[in-house]
Amino acid sequence: MIKPQILEAIKQMPKVEKIEIIEFALRLVREDMETPEFSDCAHAPLNSPPSTHPPSPQTHSEYSLSPYT
């Protein structure tokens, strides 16, 4: 699955399943932050150069998990 497909699948899940996914992802991030390799680049973007412009509203709302968007 690619990112948009994953996010769309999460949007369609019941609230309890969304929370389970979020908790799992948070555990992964915390584990990554404990590794020395991650701490060296914690403030750098992962796969893209830094942006000089703020993201557009469409970028965020497209992947929003909020039921209000």
PDB file of N, CA and C in Angstrom:
ATOM      1  N   MET A   1       0.840  -1.194   0.000  1.00  0.00           N
ATOM      2  CA  MET A   1       0.000   0.000   0.000  1.00  0.00           C
ATOM      3  C   MET A   1       0.875   1.244   0.000  1.00  0.00           C
ATOM      4  N   ILE A   2       0.372   2.278  -0.642  1.00  0.00           N
ATOM      5  CA  ILE A   2       1.075   3.551  -0.593  1.00  0.00           C
ATOM      6  C   ILE A   2       0.360   4.465   0.402  1.00  0.00           C
ATOM      7  N   LYS A   3       1.019   5.536   0.777  1.00  0.00           N
ATOM      8  CA  LYS A   3       0.526   6.416   1.835  1.00  0.00           C
ATOM      9  C   LYS A   3      -0.940   6.839   1.659  1.00  0.00           C
ATOM     10  N   PRO A   4      -1.358   7.343   0.495  1.00  0.00           N
ATOM     11  CA  PRO A   4      -2.765   7.750   0.376  1.00  0.00           C
ATOM     12  C   PRO A   4      -3.739   6.590   0.591  1.00  0.00           C
ATOM     13  N   GLN A   5      -3.371   5.398   0.147  1.00  0.00           N
ATOM     14  CA  GLN A   5      -4.247   4.240   0.339  1.00  0.00           C
ATOM     15  C   GLN A   5      -4.332   3.862   1.820  1.00  0.00           C
ATOM     16  N   ILE A   6      -3.205   3.927   2.497  1.00  0.00           N
ATOM     17  CA  ILE A   6      -3.185   3.617   3.927  1.00  0.00           C
ATOM     18  C   ILE A   6      -4.043   4.614   4.691  1.00  0.00           C
ATOM     19  N   LEU A   7      -3.865   5.884   4.387  1.00  0.00           N
ATOM     20  CA  LEU A   7      -4.628   6.918   5.093  1.00  0.00           C
ATOM     21  C   LEU A   7      -6.117   6.808   4.791  1.00  0.00           C
ATOM     22  N   GLU A   8      -6.463   6.475   3.583  1.00  0.00           N
ATOM     23  CA  GLU A   8      -7.881   6.296   3.241  1.00  0.00           C
ATOM     24  C   GLU A   8      -8.460   5.101   3.992  1.00  0.00           C
ATOM     25  N   ALA A   9      -7.704   4.029   4.094  1.00  0.00           N
ATOM     26  CA  ALA A   9      -8.166   2.853   4.835  1.00  0.00           C
ATOM     27  C   ALA A   9      -8.380   3.201   6.308  1.00  0.00           C
ATOM     28  N   ILE A  10      -7.471   3.985   6.880  1.00  0.00           N
ATOM     29  CA  ILE A  10      -7.614   4.393   8.270  1.00  0.00           C
ATOM     30  C   ILE A  10      -8.853   5.259   8.452  1.00  0.00           C
ATOM     31  N   LYS A  11      -9.112   6.153   7.500  1.00  0.00           N
ATOM     32  CA  LYS A  11     -10.294   7.019   7.588  1.00  0.00           C
ATOM     33  C   LYS A  11     -11.578   6.212   7.652  1.00  0.00           C
ATOM     34  N   GLN A  12     -11.586   5.054   7.023  1.00  0.00           N
ATOM     35  CA  GLN A  12     -12.795   4.234   6.966  1.00  0.00           C
ATOM     36  C   GLN A  12     -12.955   3.292   8.165  1.00  0.00           C
ATOM     37  N   MET A  13     -11.960   3.233   9.031  1.00  0.00           N
ATOM     38  CA  MET A  13     -12.005   2.349  10.200  1.00  0.00           C
ATOM     39  C   MET A  13     -12.884   2.936  11.298  1.00  0.00           C
ATOM     40  N   PRO A  14     -13.440   2.062  12.122  1.00  0.00           N
ATOM     41  CA  PRO A  14     -14.146   2.551  13.324  1.00  0.00           C
ATOM     42  C   PRO A  14     -13.150   3.255  14.253  1.00  0.00           C
ATOM     43  N   LYS A  15     -13.656   4.105  15.115  1.00  0.00           N
ATOM     44  CA  LYS A  15     -12.798   4.915  15.993  1.00  0.00           C
ATOM     45  C   LYS A  15     -11.840   4.071  16.826  1.00  0.00           C
ATOM     46  N   VAL A  16     -12.308   2.944  17.353  1.00  0.00           N
ATOM     47  CA  VAL A  16     -11.455   2.114  18.200  1.00  0.00           C
ATOM     48  C   VAL A  16     -10.269   1.581  17.399  1.00  0.00           C
ATOM     49  N   GLU A  17     -10.499   1.164  16.179  1.00  0.00           N
ATOM     50  CA  GLU A  17      -9.406   0.671  15.337  1.00  0.00           C
ATOM     51  C   GLU A  17      -8.436   1.792  14.978  1.00  0.00           C
ATOM     52  N   LYS A  18      -8.955   2.999  14.738  1.00  0.00           N
ATOM     53  CA  LYS A  18      -8.067   4.141  14.467  1.00  0.00           C
ATOM     54  C   LYS A  18      -7.141   4.383  15.645  1.00  0.00           C
ATOM     55  N   ILE A  19      -7.686   4.321  16.854  1.00  0.00           N
ATOM     56  CA  ILE A  19      -6.868   4.536  18.052  1.00  0.00           C
ATOM     57  C   ILE A  19      -5.796   3.468  18.158  1.00  0.00           C
ATOM     58  N   GLU A  20      -6.146   2.218  17.854  1.00  0.00           N
ATOM     59  CA  GLU A  20      -5.154   1.140  17.898  1.00  0.00           C
ATOM     60  C   GLU A  20      -4.026   1.387  16.890  1.00  0.00           C
ATOM     61  N   ILE A  21      -4.372   1.851  15.700  1.00  0.00           N
ATOM     62  CA  ILE A  21      -3.369   2.155  14.677  1.00  0.00           C
ATOM     63  C   ILE A  21      -2.468   3.291  15.141  1.00  0.00           C
ATOM     64  N   ILE A  22      -3.065   4.331  15.708  1.00  0.00           N
ATOM     65  CA  ILE A  22      -2.298   5.477  16.184  1.00  0.00           C
ATOM     66  C   ILE A  22      -1.354   5.058  17.306  1.00  0.00           C
ATOM     67  N   GLU A  23      -1.834   4.240  18.231  1.00  0.00           N
ATOM     68  CA  GLU A  23      -0.987   3.774  19.329  1.00  0.00           C
ATOM     69  C   GLU A  23       0.180   2.934  18.797  1.00  0.00           C
ATOM     70  N   PHE A  24      -0.085   2.091  17.812  1.00  0.00           N
ATOM     71  CA  PHE A  24       0.965   1.272  17.211  1.00  0.00           C
ATOM     72  C   PHE A  24       2.015   2.165  16.540  1.00  0.00           C
ATOM     73  N   ALA A  25       1.553   3.127  15.757  1.00  0.00           N
ATOM     74  CA  ALA A  25       2.479   4.029  15.061  1.00  0.00           C
ATOM     75  C   ALA A  25       3.293   4.838  16.069  1.00  0.00           C
ATOM     76  N   LEU A  26       2.673   5.272  17.133  1.00  0.00           N
ATOM     77  CA  LEU A  26       3.384   6.035  18.154  1.00  0.00           C
ATOM     78  C   LEU A  26       4.466   5.188  18.814  1.00  0.00           C
ATOM     79  N   ARG A  27       4.166   3.909  19.070  1.00  0.00           N
ATOM     80  CA  ARG A  27       5.182   3.001  19.620  1.00  0.00           C
ATOM     81  C   ARG A  27       6.379   2.885  18.682  1.00  0.00           C
ATOM     82  N   LEU A  28       6.093   2.754  17.381  1.00  0.00           N
ATOM     83  CA  LEU A  28       7.175   2.657  16.402  1.00  0.00           C
ATOM     84  C   LEU A  28       8.038   3.909  16.403  1.00  0.00           C
ATOM     85  N   VAL A  29       7.416   5.067  16.455  1.00  0.00           N
ATOM     86  CA  VAL A  29       8.159   6.326  16.459  1.00  0.00           C
ATOM     87  C   VAL A  29       9.016   6.433  17.714  1.00  0.00           C
ATOM     88  N   ARG A  30       8.448   6.055  18.846  1.00  0.00           N
ATOM     89  CA  ARG A  30       9.216   6.110  20.096  1.00  0.00           C
ATOM     90  C   ARG A  30      10.418   5.175  20.045  1.00  0.00           C
ATOM     91  N   GLU A  31      10.222   3.987  19.487  1.00  0.00           N
ATOM     92  CA  GLU A  31      11.338   3.049  19.351  1.00  0.00           C
ATOM     93  C   GLU A  31      12.411   3.632  18.429  1.00  0.00           C
ATOM     94  N   ASP A  32      11.977   4.236  17.333  1.00  0.00           N
ATOM     95  CA  ASP A  32      12.926   4.853  16.409  1.00  0.00           C
ATOM     96  C   ASP A  32      13.704   5.979  17.075  1.00  0.00           C
ATOM     97  N   MET A  33      13.043   6.752  17.902  1.00  0.00           N
ATOM     98  CA  MET A  33      13.697   7.877  18.557  1.00  0.00           C
ATOM     99  C   MET A  33      14.755   7.422  19.549  1.00  0.00           C
ATOM    100  N   GLU A  34      14.643   6.196  20.033  1.00  0.00           N
ATOM    101  CA  GLU A  34      15.613   5.669  20.986  1.00  0.00           C
ATOM    102  C   GLU A  34      16.880   5.163  20.302  1.00  0.00           C
ATOM    103  N   THR A  35      16.843   4.987  18.995  1.00  0.00           N
ATOM    104  CA  THR A  35      18.026   4.489  18.287  1.00  0.00           C
ATOM    105  C   THR A  35      18.948   5.655  17.943  1.00  0.00           C
ATOM    106  N   PRO A  36      20.256   5.452  18.027  1.00  0.00           N
ATOM    107  CA  PRO A  36      21.207   6.537  17.736  1.00  0.00           C
ATOM    108  C   PRO A  36      21.071   7.084  16.318  1.00  0.00           C
ATOM    109  N   GLU A  37      20.785   6.222  15.343  1.00  0.00           N
ATOM    110  CA  GLU A  37      20.675   6.690  13.961  1.00  0.00           C
ATOM    111  C   GLU A  37      19.563   7.725  13.814  1.00  0.00           C
ATOM    112  N   PHE A  38      18.456   7.499  14.502  1.00  0.00           N
ATOM    113  CA  PHE A  38      17.326   8.413  14.393  1.00  0.00           C
ATOM    114  C   PHE A  38      17.609   9.730  15.096  1.00  0.00           C
ATOM    115  N   SER A  39      18.240   9.683  16.246  1.00  0.00           N
ATOM    116  CA  SER A  39      18.465  10.913  17.006  1.00  0.00           C
ATOM    117  C   SER A  39      19.378  11.876  16.257  1.00  0.00           C
ATOM    118  N   ASP A  40      20.261  11.361  15.383  1.00  0.00           N
ATOM    119  CA  ASP A  40      21.131  12.234  14.597  1.00  0.00           C
ATOM    120  C   ASP A  40      20.356  13.053  13.571  1.00  0.00           C
ATOM    121  N   CYS A  41      19.218  12.540  13.124  1.00  0.00           N
ATOM    122  CA  CYS A  41      18.464  13.232  12.074  1.00  0.00           C
ATOM    123  C   CYS A  41      17.049  13.562  12.524  1.00  0.00           C
ATOM    124  N   ALA A  42      16.819  13.632  13.814  1.00  0.00           N
ATOM    125  CA  ALA A  42      15.467  13.832  14.337  1.00  0.00           C
ATOM    126  C   ALA A  42      14.831  15.134  13.881  1.00  0.00           C
ATOM    127  N   HIS A  43      15.639  16.135  13.595  1.00  0.00           N
ATOM    128  CA  HIS A  43      15.077  17.419  13.204  1.00  0.00           C
ATOM    129  C   HIS A  43      15.115  17.640  11.698  1.00  0.00           C
ATOM    130  N   ALA A  44      15.585  16.687  10.950  1.00  0.00           N
ATOM    131  CA  ALA A  44      15.675  16.824   9.499  1.00  0.00           C
ATOM    132  C   ALA A  44      14.519  16.101   8.828  1.00  0.00           C
ATOM    133  N   PRO A  45      14.036  16.605   7.694  1.00  0.00           N
ATOM    134  CA  PRO A  45      13.004  15.887   6.949  1.00  0.00           C
ATOM    135  C   PRO A  45      13.532  14.530   6.504  1.00  0.00           C
ATOM    136  N   LEU A  46      12.662  13.545   6.442  1.00  0.00           N
ATOM    137  CA  LEU A  46      13.106  12.191   6.139  1.00  0.00           C
ATOM    138  C   LEU A  46      13.476  11.979   4.682  1.00  0.00           C
ATOM    139  N   ASN A  47      12.624  12.386   3.755  1.00  0.00           N
ATOM    140  CA  ASN A  47      12.898  12.079   2.353  1.00  0.00           C
ATOM    141  C   ASN A  47      12.748  13.275   1.428  1.00  0.00           C
ATOM    142  N   SER A  48      12.788  14.459   1.980  1.00  0.00           N
ATOM    143  CA  SER A  48      12.606  15.617   1.114  1.00  0.00           C
ATOM    144  C   SER A  48      13.417  16.794   1.641  1.00  0.00           C
ATOM    145  N   PRO A  49      13.794  17.693   0.750  1.00  0.00           N
ATOM    146  CA  PRO A  49      14.506  18.887   1.197  1.00  0.00           C
ATOM    147  C   PRO A  49      13.565  19.791   1.974  1.00  0.00           C
ATOM    148  N   PRO A  50      14.081  20.651   2.822  1.00  0.00           N
ATOM    149  CA  PRO A  50      13.218  21.547   3.590  1.00  0.00           C
ATOM    150  C   PRO A  50      12.424  22.470   2.668  1.00  0.00           C
ATOM    151  N   SER A  51      11.200  22.686   3.035  1.00  0.00           N
ATOM    152  CA  SER A  51      10.334  23.559   2.251  1.00  0.00           C
ATOM    153  C   SER A  51      10.507  25.000   2.703  1.00  0.00           C
ATOM    154  N   THR A  52      10.460  25.920   1.755  1.00  0.00           N
ATOM    155  CA  THR A  52      10.537  27.333   2.109  1.00  0.00           C
ATOM    156  C   THR A  52       9.145  27.943   2.219  1.00  0.00           C
ATOM    157  N   HIS A  53       8.117  27.162   1.872  1.00  0.00           N
ATOM    158  CA  HIS A  53       6.737  27.632   1.942  1.00  0.00           C
ATOM    159  C   HIS A  53       5.939  26.719   2.859  1.00  0.00           C
ATOM    160  N   PRO A  54       4.975  27.282   3.604  1.00  0.00           N
ATOM    161  CA  PRO A  54       4.124  26.426   4.427  1.00  0.00           C
ATOM    162  C   PRO A  54       3.249  25.549   3.528  1.00  0.00           C
ATOM    163  N   PRO A  55       2.881  24.355   3.992  1.00  0.00           N
ATOM    164  CA  PRO A  55       2.042  23.484   3.169  1.00  0.00           C
ATOM    165  C   PRO A  55       0.671  24.116   2.930  1.00  0.00           C
ATOM    166  N   SER A  56       0.099  23.804   1.797  1.00  0.00           N
ATOM    167  CA  SER A  56      -1.220  24.342   1.468  1.00  0.00           C
ATOM    168  C   SER A  56      -2.284  23.619   2.284  1.00  0.00           C
ATOM    169  N   PRO A  57      -3.445  24.249   2.502  1.00  0.00           N
ATOM    170  CA  PRO A  57      -4.519  23.590   3.251  1.00  0.00           C
ATOM    171  C   PRO A  57      -4.960  22.276   2.603  1.00  0.00           C
ATOM    172  N   GLN A  58      -4.893  22.179   1.265  1.00  0.00           N
ATOM    173  CA  GLN A  58      -5.307  20.954   0.594  1.00  0.00           C
ATOM    174  C   GLN A  58      -4.410  19.787   1.002  1.00  0.00           C
ATOM    175  N   THR A  59      -3.146  20.045   1.222  1.00  0.00           N
ATOM    176  CA  THR A  59      -2.212  18.976   1.599  1.00  0.00           C
ATOM    177  C   THR A  59      -2.648  18.329   2.899  1.00  0.00           C
ATOM    178  N   HIS A  60      -3.024  19.156   3.887  1.00  0.00           N
ATOM    179  CA  HIS A  60      -3.405  18.601   5.176  1.00  0.00           C
ATOM    180  C   HIS A  60      -4.796  17.986   5.142  1.00  0.00           C
ATOM    181  N   SER A  61      -5.751  18.631   4.527  1.00  0.00           N
ATOM    182  CA  SER A  61      -7.113  18.110   4.556  1.00  0.00           C
ATOM    183  C   SER A  61      -7.247  16.838   3.747  1.00  0.00           C
ATOM    184  N   GLU A  62      -6.399  16.668   2.755  1.00  0.00           N
ATOM    185  CA  GLU A  62      -6.457  15.466   1.924  1.00  0.00           C
ATOM    186  C   GLU A  62      -6.210  14.215   2.767  1.00  0.00           C
ATOM    187  N   TYR A  63      -5.347  14.333   3.782  1.00  0.00           N
ATOM    188  CA  TYR A  63      -4.999  13.171   4.591  1.00  0.00           C
ATOM    189  C   TYR A  63      -5.520  13.272   6.016  1.00  0.00           C
ATOM    190  N   SER A  64      -6.417  14.183   6.256  1.00  0.00           N
ATOM    191  CA  SER A  64      -6.922  14.386   7.593  1.00  0.00           C
ATOM    192  C   SER A  64      -7.748  13.186   8.063  1.00  0.00           C
ATOM    193  N   LEU A  65      -7.562  12.801   9.320  1.00  0.00           N
ATOM    194  CA  LEU A  65      -8.346  11.718   9.900  1.00  0.00           C
ATOM    195  C   LEU A  65      -9.589  12.250  10.589  1.00  0.00           C
ATOM    196  N   SER A  66      -9.711  13.556  10.664  1.00  0.00           N
ATOM    197  CA  SER A  66     -10.840  14.162  11.344  1.00  0.00           C
ATOM    198  C   SER A  66     -12.123  13.919  10.571  1.00  0.00           C
ATOM    199  N   PRO A  67     -13.200  13.550  11.273  1.00  0.00           N
ATOM    200  CA  PRO A  67     -14.491  13.359  10.592  1.00  0.00           C
ATOM    201  C   PRO A  67     -15.098  14.692  10.160  1.00  0.00           C
ATOM    202  N   TYR A  68     -14.502  15.809  10.567  1.00  0.00           N
ATOM    203  CA  TYR A  68     -15.063  17.125  10.259  1.00  0.00           C
ATOM    204  C   TYR A  68     -14.492  17.765   9.007  1.00  0.00           C
ATOM    205  N   THR A  69     -13.620  17.061   8.298  1.00  0.00           N
ATOM    206  CA  THR A  69     -13.048  17.641   7.082  1.00  0.00           C
ATOM    207  C   THR A  69     -13.634  16.983   5.866  1.00  0.00           C
TER     208      THR A  69
END
